[in-house]
Amino acid sequence: MPKKPVSLLLALLLVVLNLYLPTPTRAQSATEVSAAQKARTTATHLGVNPDKRVEVKLRDKTKLKGYITAVAQDSFTLTDAQSGVSKTVAYADVSEIKKASKGWSTKAWLILAGVGVGAIVTFIAVKPALCDGGAQTRGIC
C-alpha cells in the first residue's frame, strides 16, 4: 500500500476529529474538589471562635493567619488577629487549613530533654574514665 494515501487519510481523520469532537472545558479535577471539601470540613469543625487560631495556605502559595469569623457554603471569613482585617476566602482557593502552632510540640520538647539528659549522663560517665585524678592534661580533663 502506498504511504501517501495512508498519511493523507490519517491527516484527514485528525482534522475531522478535531472539528467534531467537543473541546474539553476546564473542569475541576478530583483532587481540587476533595481539597475544597476537606477545607470546608476543617473550617466547619474549627468553627467561629476567636480563641482558635488557624493558618491557611492558599493555592498561590500565600499564607494567612487569624481566626474564622464566619463559615458559608462556599467560603469562610478569616480575620487577622493583630490588624483586625477580615478577608473572605473561597474553599476552592485553599490548599490547607490547620490550627496555628503555639511553639514547640510536646514531642520536640521530649526529644530535647532526652538529648540533654543523654549529654549529662555521657559526661558524667566518660570524664572519670578519661581523667585519672588530674595526671592527664589532654581532652576534657
N, C-alpha and C. Protein backbone atom coordinates (compact mmCIF):
# COMPACT_ATOMS: atom_id res chain seq x y z
N MET A 1 0.85 -1.17 0.00
CA MET A 1 0.00 0.00 0.00
C MET A 1 0.89 1.24 0.00
N PRO A 2 0.60 2.22 -0.82
CA PRO A 2 1.43 3.41 -0.88
C PRO A 2 1.34 4.22 0.41
N LYS A 3 2.42 4.89 0.75
CA LYS A 3 2.48 5.64 2.01
C LYS A 3 1.71 6.95 1.93
N LYS A 4 1.61 7.56 0.78
CA LYS A 4 0.98 8.87 0.65
C LYS A 4 -0.53 8.81 0.95
N PRO A 5 -1.31 7.89 0.43
CA PRO A 5 -2.73 7.85 0.76
C PRO A 5 -2.99 7.56 2.24
N VAL A 6 -2.15 6.74 2.86
CA VAL A 6 -2.34 6.43 4.28
C VAL A 6 -2.10 7.67 5.13
N SER A 7 -1.04 8.41 4.83
CA SER A 7 -0.75 9.62 5.60
C SER A 7 -1.81 10.69 5.36
N LEU A 8 -2.32 10.79 4.12
CA LEU A 8 -3.40 11.74 3.85
C LEU A 8 -4.68 11.34 4.59
N LEU A 9 -4.97 10.07 4.64
CA LEU A 9 -6.14 9.58 5.34
C LEU A 9 -6.04 9.86 6.85
N LEU A 10 -4.87 9.65 7.42
CA LEU A 10 -4.67 9.93 8.85
C LEU A 10 -4.78 11.42 9.14
N ALA A 11 -4.22 12.25 8.27
CA ALA A 11 -4.31 13.69 8.46
C ALA A 11 -5.76 14.16 8.38
N LEU A 12 -6.52 13.63 7.42
CA LEU A 12 -7.93 13.97 7.28
C LEU A 12 -8.72 13.52 8.51
N LEU A 13 -8.40 12.35 9.01
CA LEU A 13 -9.07 11.84 10.21
C LEU A 13 -8.81 12.74 11.41
N LEU A 14 -7.59 13.21 11.57
CA LEU A 14 -7.27 14.11 12.67
C LEU A 14 -8.03 15.43 12.56
N VAL A 15 -8.11 15.97 11.36
CA VAL A 15 -8.84 17.22 11.15
C VAL A 15 -10.31 17.05 11.48
N VAL A 16 -10.92 15.96 11.01
CA VAL A 16 -12.34 15.72 11.26
C VAL A 16 -12.60 15.53 12.76
N LEU A 17 -11.76 14.75 13.41
CA LEU A 17 -11.94 14.54 14.85
C LEU A 17 -11.77 15.84 15.63
N ASN A 18 -10.84 16.66 15.21
CA ASN A 18 -10.61 17.93 15.88
C ASN A 18 -11.80 18.87 15.71
N LEU A 19 -12.45 18.84 14.58
CA LEU A 19 -13.58 19.72 14.33
C LEU A 19 -14.87 19.26 15.02
N TYR A 20 -15.10 17.97 15.07
CA TYR A 20 -16.39 17.48 15.54
C TYR A 20 -16.43 17.02 16.99
N LEU A 21 -15.30 16.76 17.56
CA LEU A 21 -15.31 16.40 18.98
C LEU A 21 -15.36 17.67 19.82
N PRO A 22 -16.11 17.66 20.90
CA PRO A 22 -16.17 18.87 21.72
C PRO A 22 -14.84 19.11 22.44
N THR A 23 -14.49 20.37 22.57
CA THR A 23 -13.26 20.69 23.28
C THR A 23 -13.52 20.60 24.77
N PRO A 24 -12.60 20.05 25.50
CA PRO A 24 -12.82 19.92 26.94
C PRO A 24 -12.74 21.29 27.61
N THR A 25 -13.66 21.52 28.53
CA THR A 25 -13.63 22.76 29.30
C THR A 25 -12.84 22.52 30.56
N ARG A 26 -12.45 23.58 31.17
CA ARG A 26 -11.66 23.48 32.41
C ARG A 26 -12.57 23.07 33.54
N ALA A 27 -12.58 21.81 33.84
CA ALA A 27 -13.37 21.29 34.94
C ALA A 27 -12.45 21.07 36.14
N GLN A 28 -13.02 21.13 37.31
CA GLN A 28 -12.22 20.88 38.49
C GLN A 28 -11.86 19.41 38.56
N SER A 29 -10.62 19.17 38.86
CA SER A 29 -10.19 17.78 38.98
C SER A 29 -10.67 17.21 40.31
N ALA A 30 -10.55 15.92 40.45
CA ALA A 30 -11.00 15.25 41.67
C ALA A 30 -10.19 15.72 42.88
N THR A 31 -8.90 16.01 42.69
CA THR A 31 -8.09 16.46 43.81
C THR A 31 -8.50 17.86 44.27
N GLU A 32 -8.86 18.73 43.31
CA GLU A 32 -9.30 20.07 43.68
C GLU A 32 -10.62 20.02 44.44
N VAL A 33 -11.52 19.15 43.99
CA VAL A 33 -12.80 19.02 44.66
C VAL A 33 -12.61 18.45 46.06
N SER A 34 -11.75 17.45 46.20
CA SER A 34 -11.54 16.86 47.53
C SER A 34 -10.82 17.84 48.45
N ALA A 35 -9.90 18.66 47.93
CA ALA A 35 -9.21 19.65 48.75
C ALA A 35 -10.19 20.71 49.23
N ALA A 36 -11.10 21.13 48.35
CA ALA A 36 -12.11 22.11 48.76
C ALA A 36 -13.05 21.51 49.80
N GLN A 37 -13.43 20.26 49.62
CA GLN A 37 -14.31 19.59 50.59
C GLN A 37 -13.59 19.44 51.94
N LYS A 38 -12.32 19.12 51.91
CA LYS A 38 -11.54 18.98 53.14
C LYS A 38 -11.42 20.33 53.85
N ALA A 39 -11.19 21.39 53.08
CA ALA A 39 -11.10 22.73 53.67
C ALA A 39 -12.43 23.13 54.29
N ARG A 40 -13.54 22.82 53.62
CA ARG A 40 -14.87 23.13 54.15
C ARG A 40 -15.10 22.37 55.46
N THR A 41 -14.73 21.10 55.49
CA THR A 41 -14.92 20.29 56.69
C THR A 41 -14.07 20.81 57.84
N THR A 42 -12.83 21.17 57.56
CA THR A 42 -11.94 21.68 58.60
C THR A 42 -12.44 23.02 59.14
N ALA A 43 -12.86 23.91 58.25
CA ALA A 43 -13.36 25.21 58.70
C ALA A 43 -14.63 25.05 59.53
N THR A 44 -15.50 24.14 59.14
CA THR A 44 -16.72 23.89 59.90
C THR A 44 -16.39 23.28 61.25
N HIS A 45 -15.43 22.37 61.26
CA HIS A 45 -15.04 21.71 62.51
C HIS A 45 -14.43 22.72 63.50
N LEU A 46 -13.55 23.59 63.00
CA LEU A 46 -12.93 24.59 63.87
C LEU A 46 -13.95 25.62 64.34
N GLY A 47 -14.89 25.96 63.47
CA GLY A 47 -15.98 26.85 63.84
C GLY A 47 -15.56 28.29 64.04
N VAL A 48 -16.55 29.08 64.44
CA VAL A 48 -16.33 30.50 64.67
C VAL A 48 -15.93 30.67 66.13
N ASN A 49 -14.63 30.92 66.33
CA ASN A 49 -14.12 31.05 67.69
C ASN A 49 -12.85 31.88 67.65
N PRO A 50 -12.85 33.05 68.31
CA PRO A 50 -11.65 33.89 68.29
C PRO A 50 -10.46 33.27 69.03
N ASP A 51 -10.71 32.25 69.86
CA ASP A 51 -9.61 31.62 70.58
C ASP A 51 -8.89 30.56 69.75
N LYS A 52 -9.50 30.10 68.68
CA LYS A 52 -8.89 29.07 67.82
C LYS A 52 -8.23 29.75 66.63
N ARG A 53 -6.93 29.90 66.70
CA ARG A 53 -6.18 30.50 65.60
C ARG A 53 -5.93 29.44 64.53
N VAL A 54 -5.97 29.87 63.26
CA VAL A 54 -5.74 28.96 62.14
C VAL A 54 -4.71 29.56 61.20
N GLU A 55 -4.06 28.66 60.47
CA GLU A 55 -3.15 29.05 59.39
C GLU A 55 -3.74 28.49 58.11
N VAL A 56 -3.90 29.35 57.11
CA VAL A 56 -4.50 28.96 55.83
C VAL A 56 -3.44 29.13 54.75
N LYS A 57 -3.19 28.06 54.00
CA LYS A 57 -2.27 28.13 52.87
C LYS A 57 -3.12 28.07 51.60
N LEU A 58 -2.97 29.10 50.76
CA LEU A 58 -3.75 29.18 49.53
C LEU A 58 -3.00 28.50 48.39
N ARG A 59 -3.70 28.27 47.28
CA ARG A 59 -3.10 27.61 46.12
C ARG A 59 -2.00 28.45 45.49
N ASP A 60 -2.04 29.77 45.65
CA ASP A 60 -0.99 30.62 45.08
C ASP A 60 0.17 30.81 46.05
N LYS A 61 0.29 29.90 47.03
CA LYS A 61 1.40 29.82 47.98
C LYS A 61 1.42 30.93 49.02
N THR A 62 0.37 31.73 49.14
CA THR A 62 0.32 32.73 50.19
C THR A 62 -0.23 32.09 51.45
N LYS A 63 0.16 32.64 52.59
CA LYS A 63 -0.28 32.12 53.87
C LYS A 63 -1.02 33.21 54.63
N LEU A 64 -2.13 32.84 55.22
CA LEU A 64 -2.92 33.75 56.02
C LEU A 64 -3.04 33.19 57.43
N LYS A 65 -3.05 34.07 58.42
CA LYS A 65 -3.20 33.64 59.81
C LYS A 65 -4.30 34.47 60.44
N GLY A 66 -5.02 33.88 61.34
CA GLY A 66 -6.08 34.58 62.04
C GLY A 66 -7.05 33.59 62.64
N TYR A 67 -8.31 34.03 62.77
CA TYR A 67 -9.35 33.15 63.27
C TYR A 67 -10.58 33.28 62.38
N ILE A 68 -11.38 32.23 62.36
CA ILE A 68 -12.55 32.19 61.49
C ILE A 68 -13.69 32.93 62.17
N THR A 69 -14.27 33.90 61.43
CA THR A 69 -15.38 34.66 61.99
C THR A 69 -16.72 34.30 61.35
N ALA A 70 -16.71 33.68 60.18
CA ALA A 70 -17.96 33.27 59.52
C ALA A 70 -17.67 32.10 58.59
N VAL A 71 -18.61 31.15 58.54
CA VAL A 71 -18.50 30.00 57.66
C VAL A 71 -19.73 29.97 56.77
N ALA A 72 -19.52 29.98 55.44
CA ALA A 72 -20.62 29.91 54.48
C ALA A 72 -20.51 28.62 53.68
N GLN A 73 -21.42 28.45 52.72
CA GLN A 73 -21.45 27.23 51.91
C GLN A 73 -20.22 27.08 51.03
N ASP A 74 -19.75 28.17 50.41
CA ASP A 74 -18.61 28.07 49.50
C ASP A 74 -17.43 28.94 49.89
N SER A 75 -17.46 29.56 51.07
CA SER A 75 -16.35 30.39 51.52
C SER A 75 -16.41 30.54 53.04
N PHE A 76 -15.35 31.12 53.59
CA PHE A 76 -15.33 31.45 55.01
C PHE A 76 -14.61 32.78 55.17
N THR A 77 -14.83 33.44 56.28
CA THR A 77 -14.22 34.73 56.54
C THR A 77 -13.14 34.55 57.60
N LEU A 78 -11.95 35.03 57.28
CA LEU A 78 -10.81 34.92 58.17
C LEU A 78 -10.43 36.32 58.62
N THR A 79 -10.31 36.51 59.93
CA THR A 79 -9.95 37.81 60.49
C THR A 79 -8.56 37.74 61.07
N ASP A 80 -7.71 38.68 60.68
CA ASP A 80 -6.35 38.74 61.21
C ASP A 80 -6.43 39.20 62.66
N ALA A 81 -5.77 38.48 63.54
CA ALA A 81 -5.86 38.76 64.97
C ALA A 81 -5.17 40.08 65.34
N GLN A 82 -4.10 40.43 64.64
CA GLN A 82 -3.35 41.63 65.00
C GLN A 82 -3.95 42.90 64.41
N SER A 83 -4.30 42.86 63.12
CA SER A 83 -4.79 44.07 62.47
C SER A 83 -6.31 44.17 62.48
N GLY A 84 -7.02 43.06 62.65
CA GLY A 84 -8.48 43.07 62.65
C GLY A 84 -9.10 43.11 61.26
N VAL A 85 -8.30 42.95 60.22
CA VAL A 85 -8.79 42.99 58.85
C VAL A 85 -9.41 41.64 58.50
N SER A 86 -10.61 41.66 57.94
CA SER A 86 -11.29 40.43 57.55
C SER A 86 -11.13 40.19 56.06
N LYS A 87 -11.05 38.92 55.69
CA LYS A 87 -10.92 38.55 54.29
C LYS A 87 -11.77 37.31 54.05
N THR A 88 -12.58 37.35 52.99
CA THR A 88 -13.38 36.19 52.62
C THR A 88 -12.56 35.32 51.68
N VAL A 89 -12.46 34.03 52.03
CA VAL A 89 -11.63 33.09 51.28
C VAL A 89 -12.53 31.97 50.77
N ALA A 90 -12.46 31.70 49.47
CA ALA A 90 -13.24 30.61 48.87
C ALA A 90 -12.54 29.28 49.17
N TYR A 91 -13.33 28.24 49.40
CA TYR A 91 -12.77 26.92 49.68
C TYR A 91 -11.95 26.41 48.49
N ALA A 92 -12.32 26.79 47.29
CA ALA A 92 -11.61 26.33 46.10
C ALA A 92 -10.19 26.90 46.03
N ASP A 93 -9.95 28.04 46.70
CA ASP A 93 -8.63 28.66 46.69
C ASP A 93 -7.70 28.12 47.77
N VAL A 94 -8.23 27.31 48.67
CA VAL A 94 -7.47 26.83 49.83
C VAL A 94 -6.80 25.50 49.50
N SER A 95 -5.52 25.40 49.86
CA SER A 95 -4.85 24.11 49.73
C SER A 95 -4.74 23.42 51.09
N GLU A 96 -4.72 24.21 52.19
CA GLU A 96 -4.60 23.60 53.51
C GLU A 96 -5.08 24.56 54.59
N ILE A 97 -5.80 24.02 55.56
CA ILE A 97 -6.17 24.76 56.76
C ILE A 97 -5.71 23.93 57.95
N LYS A 98 -5.02 24.58 58.88
CA LYS A 98 -4.62 23.86 60.09
C LYS A 98 -4.61 24.82 61.27
N LYS A 99 -4.69 24.23 62.45
CA LYS A 99 -4.61 25.04 63.65
C LYS A 99 -3.23 25.65 63.76
N ALA A 100 -3.16 26.89 64.20
CA ALA A 100 -1.88 27.57 64.33
C ALA A 100 -1.11 26.96 65.48
N SER A 101 0.17 26.80 65.29
CA SER A 101 1.00 26.23 66.34
C SER A 101 1.33 27.29 67.37
N LYS A 102 1.50 26.85 68.60
CA LYS A 102 1.83 27.78 69.68
C LYS A 102 3.19 27.43 70.25
N GLY A 103 4.17 27.24 69.39
CA GLY A 103 5.51 26.92 69.85
C GLY A 103 5.86 25.48 69.56
N TRP A 104 6.79 24.96 70.32
CA TRP A 104 7.26 23.60 70.10
C TRP A 104 6.23 22.60 70.56
N SER A 105 6.17 21.48 69.87
CA SER A 105 5.25 20.42 70.25
C SER A 105 5.81 19.64 71.43
N THR A 106 4.98 18.84 72.04
CA THR A 106 5.40 18.01 73.16
C THR A 106 6.48 17.03 72.72
N LYS A 107 6.35 16.51 71.53
CA LYS A 107 7.35 15.58 71.00
C LYS A 107 8.72 16.26 70.90
N ALA A 108 8.75 17.49 70.42
CA ALA A 108 10.01 18.21 70.29
C ALA A 108 10.64 18.46 71.66
N TRP A 109 9.83 18.82 72.65
CA TRP A 109 10.34 19.03 74.00
C TRP A 109 10.90 17.74 74.59
N LEU A 110 10.23 16.61 74.35
CA LEU A 110 10.72 15.33 74.87
C LEU A 110 12.04 14.94 74.23
N ILE A 111 12.17 15.18 72.93
CA ILE A 111 13.44 14.88 72.24
C ILE A 111 14.55 15.76 72.79
N LEU A 112 14.28 17.04 72.99
CA LEU A 112 15.28 17.95 73.54
C LEU A 112 15.69 17.53 74.95
N ALA A 113 14.73 17.15 75.77
CA ALA A 113 15.05 16.70 77.13
C ALA A 113 15.88 15.42 77.09
N GLY A 114 15.55 14.49 76.19
CA GLY A 114 16.32 13.26 76.06
C GLY A 114 17.75 13.51 75.66
N VAL A 115 17.95 14.43 74.72
CA VAL A 115 19.31 14.77 74.28
C VAL A 115 20.09 15.40 75.44
N GLY A 116 19.43 16.28 76.20
CA GLY A 116 20.10 16.92 77.34
C GLY A 116 20.50 15.91 78.41
N VAL A 117 19.58 15.04 78.75
CA VAL A 117 19.88 14.02 79.76
C VAL A 117 20.98 13.10 79.26
N GLY A 118 20.93 12.72 77.99
CA GLY A 118 21.97 11.87 77.43
C GLY A 118 23.34 12.53 77.48
N ALA A 119 23.40 13.82 77.19
CA ALA A 119 24.68 14.54 77.23
C ALA A 119 25.23 14.60 78.65
N ILE A 120 24.38 14.84 79.62
CA ILE A 120 24.83 14.91 81.02
C ILE A 120 25.32 13.55 81.49
N VAL A 121 24.56 12.50 81.22
CA VAL A 121 24.96 11.16 81.64
C VAL A 121 26.26 10.75 80.95
N THR A 122 26.41 11.05 79.69
CA THR A 122 27.63 10.72 78.98
C THR A 122 28.82 11.45 79.59
N PHE A 123 28.66 12.72 79.90
CA PHE A 123 29.74 13.49 80.50
C PHE A 123 30.12 12.92 81.86
N ILE A 124 29.13 12.57 82.67
CA ILE A 124 29.40 12.02 83.99
C ILE A 124 30.09 10.66 83.89
N ALA A 125 29.72 9.85 82.92
CA ALA A 125 30.29 8.51 82.79
C ALA A 125 31.65 8.52 82.09
N VAL A 126 31.86 9.40 81.14
CA VAL A 126 33.09 9.38 80.33
C VAL A 126 34.24 10.13 81.01
N LYS A 127 33.94 11.21 81.70
CA LYS A 127 35.02 12.01 82.29
C LYS A 127 35.86 11.21 83.28
N PRO A 128 35.27 10.47 84.21
CA PRO A 128 36.14 9.70 85.12
C PRO A 128 36.96 8.64 84.40
N ALA A 129 36.45 8.10 83.32
CA ALA A 129 37.21 7.08 82.59
C ALA A 129 38.41 7.69 81.87
N LEU A 130 38.32 8.92 81.45
CA LEU A 130 39.41 9.57 80.73
C LEU A 130 40.40 10.28 81.65
N CYS A 131 39.94 10.76 82.76
CA CYS A 131 40.80 11.53 83.67
C CYS A 131 41.13 10.67 84.89
N ASP A 132 42.38 10.52 85.20
CA ASP A 132 42.78 9.70 86.35
C ASP A 132 43.34 10.59 87.45
N GLY A 133 42.49 11.40 88.01
CA GLY A 133 42.90 12.24 89.14
C GLY A 133 43.72 13.44 88.75
N GLY A 134 43.68 13.90 87.56
CA GLY A 134 44.37 15.12 87.15
C GLY A 134 45.75 14.88 86.59
N ALA A 135 46.19 13.63 86.47
CA ALA A 135 47.53 13.36 85.94
C ALA A 135 47.60 13.65 84.45
N GLN A 136 46.47 13.48 83.79
CA GLN A 136 46.47 13.77 82.36
C GLN A 136 46.00 15.20 82.12
N THR A 137 46.56 15.82 81.12
CA THR A 137 46.16 17.21 80.81
C THR A 137 45.63 17.35 79.41
N ARG A 138 45.15 16.29 78.85
CA ARG A 138 44.61 16.37 77.49
C ARG A 138 43.09 16.20 77.55
N GLY A 139 42.42 16.64 76.48
CA GLY A 139 40.98 16.44 76.33
C GLY A 139 40.18 17.26 77.33
N ILE A 140 39.22 16.64 77.96
CA ILE A 140 38.29 17.35 78.83
C ILE A 140 38.71 17.36 80.27
N CYS A 141 39.88 16.88 80.58
CA CYS A 141 40.35 16.80 81.96
C CYS A 141 40.80 18.15 82.48
